[in-house]
Protein backbone atom coordinates (compact mmCIF):
# COMPACT_ATOMS: atom_id res chain seq x y z
CA MET A 1 0.00 0.00 0.00
CA ALA A 2 1.20 3.51 -0.81
CA PHE A 3 0.30 6.22 1.69
CA ILE A 4 1.14 9.65 3.03
CA LYS A 5 1.00 10.35 6.75
CA PHE A 6 1.13 13.78 8.36
CA LEU A 7 3.41 13.67 11.40
CA GLY A 8 2.62 17.31 11.95
CA THR A 9 0.61 20.17 10.50
CA ALA A 10 2.24 23.12 12.27
CA GLY A 11 3.04 26.13 10.14
CA ALA A 12 5.31 29.03 11.04
CA ARG A 13 7.43 29.35 14.11
CA PHE A 14 4.91 30.21 16.81
CA VAL A 15 2.65 27.23 16.13
CA MET A 16 5.78 25.07 16.15
CA MET A 17 7.27 26.57 19.32
CA GLU A 18 4.02 26.27 21.25
CA GLN A 19 3.26 22.88 19.65
CA LEU A 20 -0.29 23.97 18.91
CA ARG A 21 0.09 21.42 16.15
CA ALA A 22 2.87 18.84 15.82
CA SER A 23 5.83 19.58 13.54
CA GLY A 24 7.13 16.15 12.53
CA GLY A 25 6.88 16.51 8.76
CA VAL A 26 5.32 14.13 6.24
CA TRP A 27 6.00 10.39 5.86
CA ILE A 28 5.65 9.07 2.31
CA SER A 29 5.59 5.31 1.72
CA SER A 30 5.31 3.08 -1.34
CA GLY A 31 6.20 -0.60 -1.16
CA SER A 32 9.56 -0.92 0.60
CA ASP A 33 10.43 2.74 0.11
CA ASN A 34 9.86 5.23 2.92
CA LEU A 35 10.66 8.94 2.80
CA ILE A 36 10.44 11.65 5.42
CA LEU A 37 9.81 15.14 4.05
CA ASP A 38 10.74 18.10 6.27
CA PRO A 39 11.43 16.37 9.61
CA GLY A 40 10.85 19.28 11.98
CA PRO A 41 10.94 19.19 15.80
CA GLY A 42 9.53 15.94 17.16
CA SER A 43 9.71 13.99 13.90
CA LEU A 44 11.44 10.99 15.47
CA VAL A 45 9.01 10.83 18.40
CA ARG A 46 5.94 11.28 16.19
CA ALA A 47 7.07 8.45 13.91
CA LEU A 48 7.70 6.07 16.80
CA GLU A 49 4.42 7.00 18.52
CA SER A 50 2.41 6.60 15.31
CA ARG A 51 -0.14 3.80 15.20
CA PRO A 52 0.86 1.65 13.47
CA LYS A 53 4.43 2.65 14.31
CA LEU A 54 6.56 4.11 11.54
CA ASP A 55 10.10 2.80 11.94
CA PRO A 56 12.74 5.44 11.12
CA ALA A 57 15.26 2.62 10.67
CA LYS A 58 13.30 1.65 7.55
CA LEU A 59 13.63 5.05 5.90
CA THR A 60 15.18 5.03 2.44
CA GLY A 61 15.20 8.79 1.95
CA VAL A 62 15.21 12.11 3.81
CA ILE A 63 14.12 15.27 1.99
CA LEU A 64 14.32 18.92 3.04
CA SER A 65 12.32 21.51 1.15
CA HIS A 66 14.39 24.15 2.96
CA LYS A 67 16.51 24.64 6.04
CA HIS A 68 14.19 26.58 8.38
CA LEU A 69 14.08 24.80 11.72
CA ASP A 70 10.36 24.03 11.66
CA HIS A 71 11.24 21.85 8.65
CA SER A 72 14.70 20.58 9.53
CA ALA A 73 15.27 20.37 13.29
CA ASP A 74 15.15 16.54 13.33
CA VAL A 75 16.93 15.98 10.01
CA ASN A 76 20.16 14.78 11.63
CA VAL A 77 18.51 12.31 13.98
CA MET A 78 16.43 10.89 11.10
CA ILE A 79 19.60 10.41 9.04
CA GLU A 80 21.17 8.68 12.05
CA ALA A 81 18.11 6.43 12.38
CA MET A 82 18.05 5.60 8.64
CA THR A 83 21.71 4.57 8.69
CA ALA A 84 21.90 2.90 12.12
CA GLY A 85 24.13 5.69 13.34
CA GLY A 86 26.40 5.29 10.34
CA HIS A 87 26.94 1.55 10.77
CA THR A 88 24.78 0.76 7.74
CA LYS A 89 25.47 2.88 4.67
CA ARG A 90 22.02 3.23 3.13
CA GLY A 91 19.40 5.64 1.89
CA ALA A 92 19.51 9.04 0.23
CA VAL A 93 19.39 12.61 1.51
CA PHE A 94 18.09 15.47 -0.66
CA ALA A 95 18.45 19.08 0.41
CA PRO A 96 19.15 22.57 -0.94
CA GLN A 97 22.76 23.70 -1.13
CA ASP A 98 22.34 26.20 1.70
CA ALA A 99 21.36 23.38 4.07
CA PHE A 100 25.05 22.39 3.92
CA GLU A 101 26.90 25.71 3.66
CA PRO A 102 27.58 28.35 4.89
CA GLU A 103 25.30 27.76 7.91
CA PRO A 104 24.64 24.03 7.81
CA VAL A 105 21.64 22.31 9.33
CA ILE A 106 22.94 18.89 8.23
CA GLN A 107 25.96 18.02 10.35
CA LYS A 108 29.24 17.32 8.58
CA TYR A 109 30.06 14.21 10.58
CA LEU A 110 27.11 12.23 9.19
CA ARG A 111 27.21 13.32 5.55
CA ASN A 112 28.99 10.08 4.60
CA PHE A 113 26.41 7.91 6.37
CA PRO A 114 23.86 7.71 3.50
CA GLU A 115 24.55 6.04 0.17
CA ARG A 116 23.66 9.28 -1.62
CA LEU A 117 23.73 12.94 -0.74
CA GLU A 118 22.10 15.03 -3.48
CA LEU A 119 21.67 18.77 -3.86
CA LEU A 120 18.23 19.87 -4.99
CA GLU A 121 18.06 21.94 -8.16
CA ALA A 122 15.07 23.50 -9.88
CA GLY A 123 13.49 21.31 -12.55
CA LYS A 124 15.61 18.26 -11.81
CA GLU A 125 14.22 14.74 -11.34
CA TYR A 126 15.18 12.40 -8.52
CA ARG A 127 14.32 8.82 -7.57
CA VAL A 128 14.29 6.61 -4.49
CA GLY A 129 13.27 3.10 -5.50
CA GLU A 130 9.61 3.20 -6.57
CA ILE A 131 9.18 6.90 -5.76
CA SER A 132 10.32 9.66 -8.10
CA PHE A 133 9.93 13.42 -7.86
CA ASN A 134 10.84 16.66 -9.57
CA THR A 135 11.43 20.07 -8.04
CA VAL A 136 10.09 23.60 -8.39
CA ARG A 137 11.95 26.61 -6.96
CA MET A 138 9.75 28.56 -4.57
CA LEU A 139 9.82 32.20 -3.38
CA HIS A 140 11.05 32.13 0.21
CA PRO A 141 13.81 33.84 2.21
CA VAL A 142 16.04 30.75 1.93
CA GLU A 143 16.52 28.28 -0.95
CA THR A 144 13.25 26.36 -1.04
CA TYR A 145 11.67 23.74 -3.31
CA GLY A 146 8.21 22.36 -3.98
CA PHE A 147 7.74 18.84 -5.30
CA ASN A 148 5.76 16.70 -7.72
CA PHE A 149 5.98 13.10 -6.54
CA LYS A 150 5.14 10.07 -8.65
CA ILE A 151 3.76 7.49 -6.26
CA ASN A 152 1.95 4.34 -7.32
CA ASN A 153 1.36 5.82 -10.80
CA ARG A 154 -0.25 8.95 -9.36
CA THR A 155 1.17 12.45 -9.06
CA VAL A 156 1.13 14.12 -5.65
CA SER A 157 2.10 17.79 -5.65
CA PHE A 158 3.47 19.56 -2.58
CA ILE A 159 3.25 23.35 -2.66
CA THR A 160 5.64 24.10 0.17
CA ASP A 161 6.47 27.42 1.84
CA THR A 162 6.39 30.23 -0.69
CA ALA A 163 5.08 33.64 -1.58
CA TYR A 164 2.48 33.53 -4.31
CA PHE A 165 3.71 33.66 -7.90
CA PRO A 166 1.56 33.34 -11.04
CA GLU A 167 3.30 30.22 -12.35
CA ILE A 168 2.27 28.05 -9.41
CA PRO A 169 -0.77 26.46 -11.15
CA ASP A 170 1.36 25.49 -14.16
CA CYS A 171 4.10 23.98 -11.99
CA PHE A 172 1.88 21.73 -9.86
CA ARG A 173 -0.64 19.50 -11.61
CA GLY A 174 -0.96 16.51 -9.30
CA GLU A 175 -4.16 14.52 -8.91
CA ILE A 176 -3.55 15.04 -5.20
CA MET A 177 -2.37 18.47 -4.13
CA ILE A 178 -0.98 19.29 -0.68
CA ILE A 179 -0.69 23.01 0.04
CA ASN A 180 1.04 24.82 2.91
CA VAL A 181 -1.31 27.63 3.93
CA VAL A 182 -0.01 29.70 6.82
CA LEU A 183 -2.03 32.90 6.51
CA THR A 184 -5.72 33.80 6.52
CA GLU A 185 -5.19 37.07 4.61
CA ARG A 186 -2.77 38.22 1.95
CA LYS A 187 0.49 39.61 3.33
CA PRO A 188 2.88 40.31 0.45
CA GLU A 189 5.70 41.05 2.88
CA VAL A 190 5.40 37.54 4.38
CA PHE A 191 6.65 34.78 2.08
CA HIS A 192 3.85 32.33 2.81
CA LEU A 193 0.59 31.50 1.05
CA SER A 194 -2.73 32.82 2.33
CA VAL A 195 -6.24 31.41 1.98
CA PRO A 196 -7.15 33.91 -0.81
CA GLU A 197 -4.01 32.91 -2.72
CA VAL A 198 -4.90 29.25 -2.38
CA ALA A 199 -8.23 30.19 -3.94
CA ASP A 200 -6.36 31.89 -6.79
CA ILE A 201 -4.41 28.67 -7.40
CA LEU A 202 -7.50 26.46 -7.31
CA SER A 203 -9.33 28.71 -9.77
CA SER A 204 -6.88 27.52 -12.45
CA ILE A 205 -6.56 23.80 -11.72
CA LYS A 206 -8.88 20.94 -10.82
CA PRO A 207 -7.08 18.26 -8.78
CA GLN A 208 -8.99 15.23 -7.55
CA LYS A 209 -8.15 16.00 -3.92
CA VAL A 210 -6.66 18.99 -2.09
CA ILE A 211 -5.19 18.80 1.38
CA LEU A 212 -4.41 21.98 3.31
CA THR A 213 -1.67 21.87 5.95
CA HIS A 214 1.10 23.84 7.69
CA PHE A 215 -1.27 26.19 9.48
CA GLY A 216 -0.35 29.46 11.16
CA ARG A 217 -1.88 30.59 14.43
CA ARG A 218 -4.64 32.71 12.87
CA THR A 219 -5.50 29.93 10.43
CA LEU A 220 -5.91 27.56 13.37
CA THR A 221 -8.12 30.09 15.14
CA ALA A 222 -10.28 30.40 12.02
CA ASN A 223 -10.67 26.58 11.96
CA PRO A 224 -8.82 24.94 9.03
CA GLN A 225 -11.64 22.53 8.22
CA LYS A 226 -14.17 25.37 7.94
CA ILE A 227 -11.75 27.09 5.55
CA ALA A 228 -11.46 23.86 3.57
CA ASP A 229 -15.25 23.47 3.48
CA ARG A 230 -15.74 26.99 2.12
CA LEU A 231 -13.15 26.42 -0.59
CA SER A 232 -14.71 23.05 -1.40
CA GLN A 233 -18.14 24.61 -1.89
CA LYS A 234 -16.69 27.42 -4.00
CA PHE A 235 -14.74 25.22 -6.40
CA GLY A 236 -16.64 21.92 -6.27
CA LEU A 237 -13.50 20.04 -5.21
CA GLU A 238 -12.71 17.61 -2.43
CA ILE A 239 -10.73 19.80 -0.04
CA ILE A 240 -9.80 18.75 3.48
CA ALA A 241 -7.67 20.18 6.26
CA ALA A 242 -4.95 17.85 7.46
CA THR A 243 -4.77 16.86 11.11
CA ASP A 244 -1.81 15.51 13.05
CA GLY A 245 -1.48 11.80 12.36
CA MET A 246 -3.83 11.82 9.37
CA MET A 247 -3.05 9.22 6.70
CA ILE A 248 -4.24 9.12 3.10
CA GLU A 249 -3.82 6.25 0.66
CA VAL A 250 -2.33 6.97 -2.75
């Protein structure tokens, strides 16, 4: 079975710091391949406490969309877990160049632990066993990428942290679309998507399913599922708000 499990749906630093929502990232599984995307604070604990348990020792890939700590704080411990502390050379790590230098979030001592260490580049394709993905450069204060995953012959698009830009609908055409929506209102000075900008994106594309996640404090106060319901009624799409621990089959 191929599935995606949300080990956290926290967006922005205050929701993360107060743990109003968990911040463990997203687990992606297909067959014997298991990836963790953006393992933020608590990723290891959330995986082990998941029911059924997700075993970090069975990871085959670790992916960072960008180096901000709400996305990367547990990246080193997940690499350690994937490689048995470096005793088993296995798996792949994918991250932007600035996650390594000049202010690294991935520690130098464990960079030789995985079989592969690959820098993300815009428009490039990558593969881990049965799972492949390509990258889209986003608009964010640090080097950041969105993803189109091919999982079980379906495309799952992740619109990660970014300011709005008009090309977004053309870059992400997955049957399943997962969108980070931090803000309730447009704030051009903040490089995150808002609910109105999500509406702009959905006015141009018609995915089979949309999942909203990575919520900021005001978005949580406004009730993410009510936001999803309003967007669903407006566009006639299946739109749901992710919750911590939620799993969807692909």
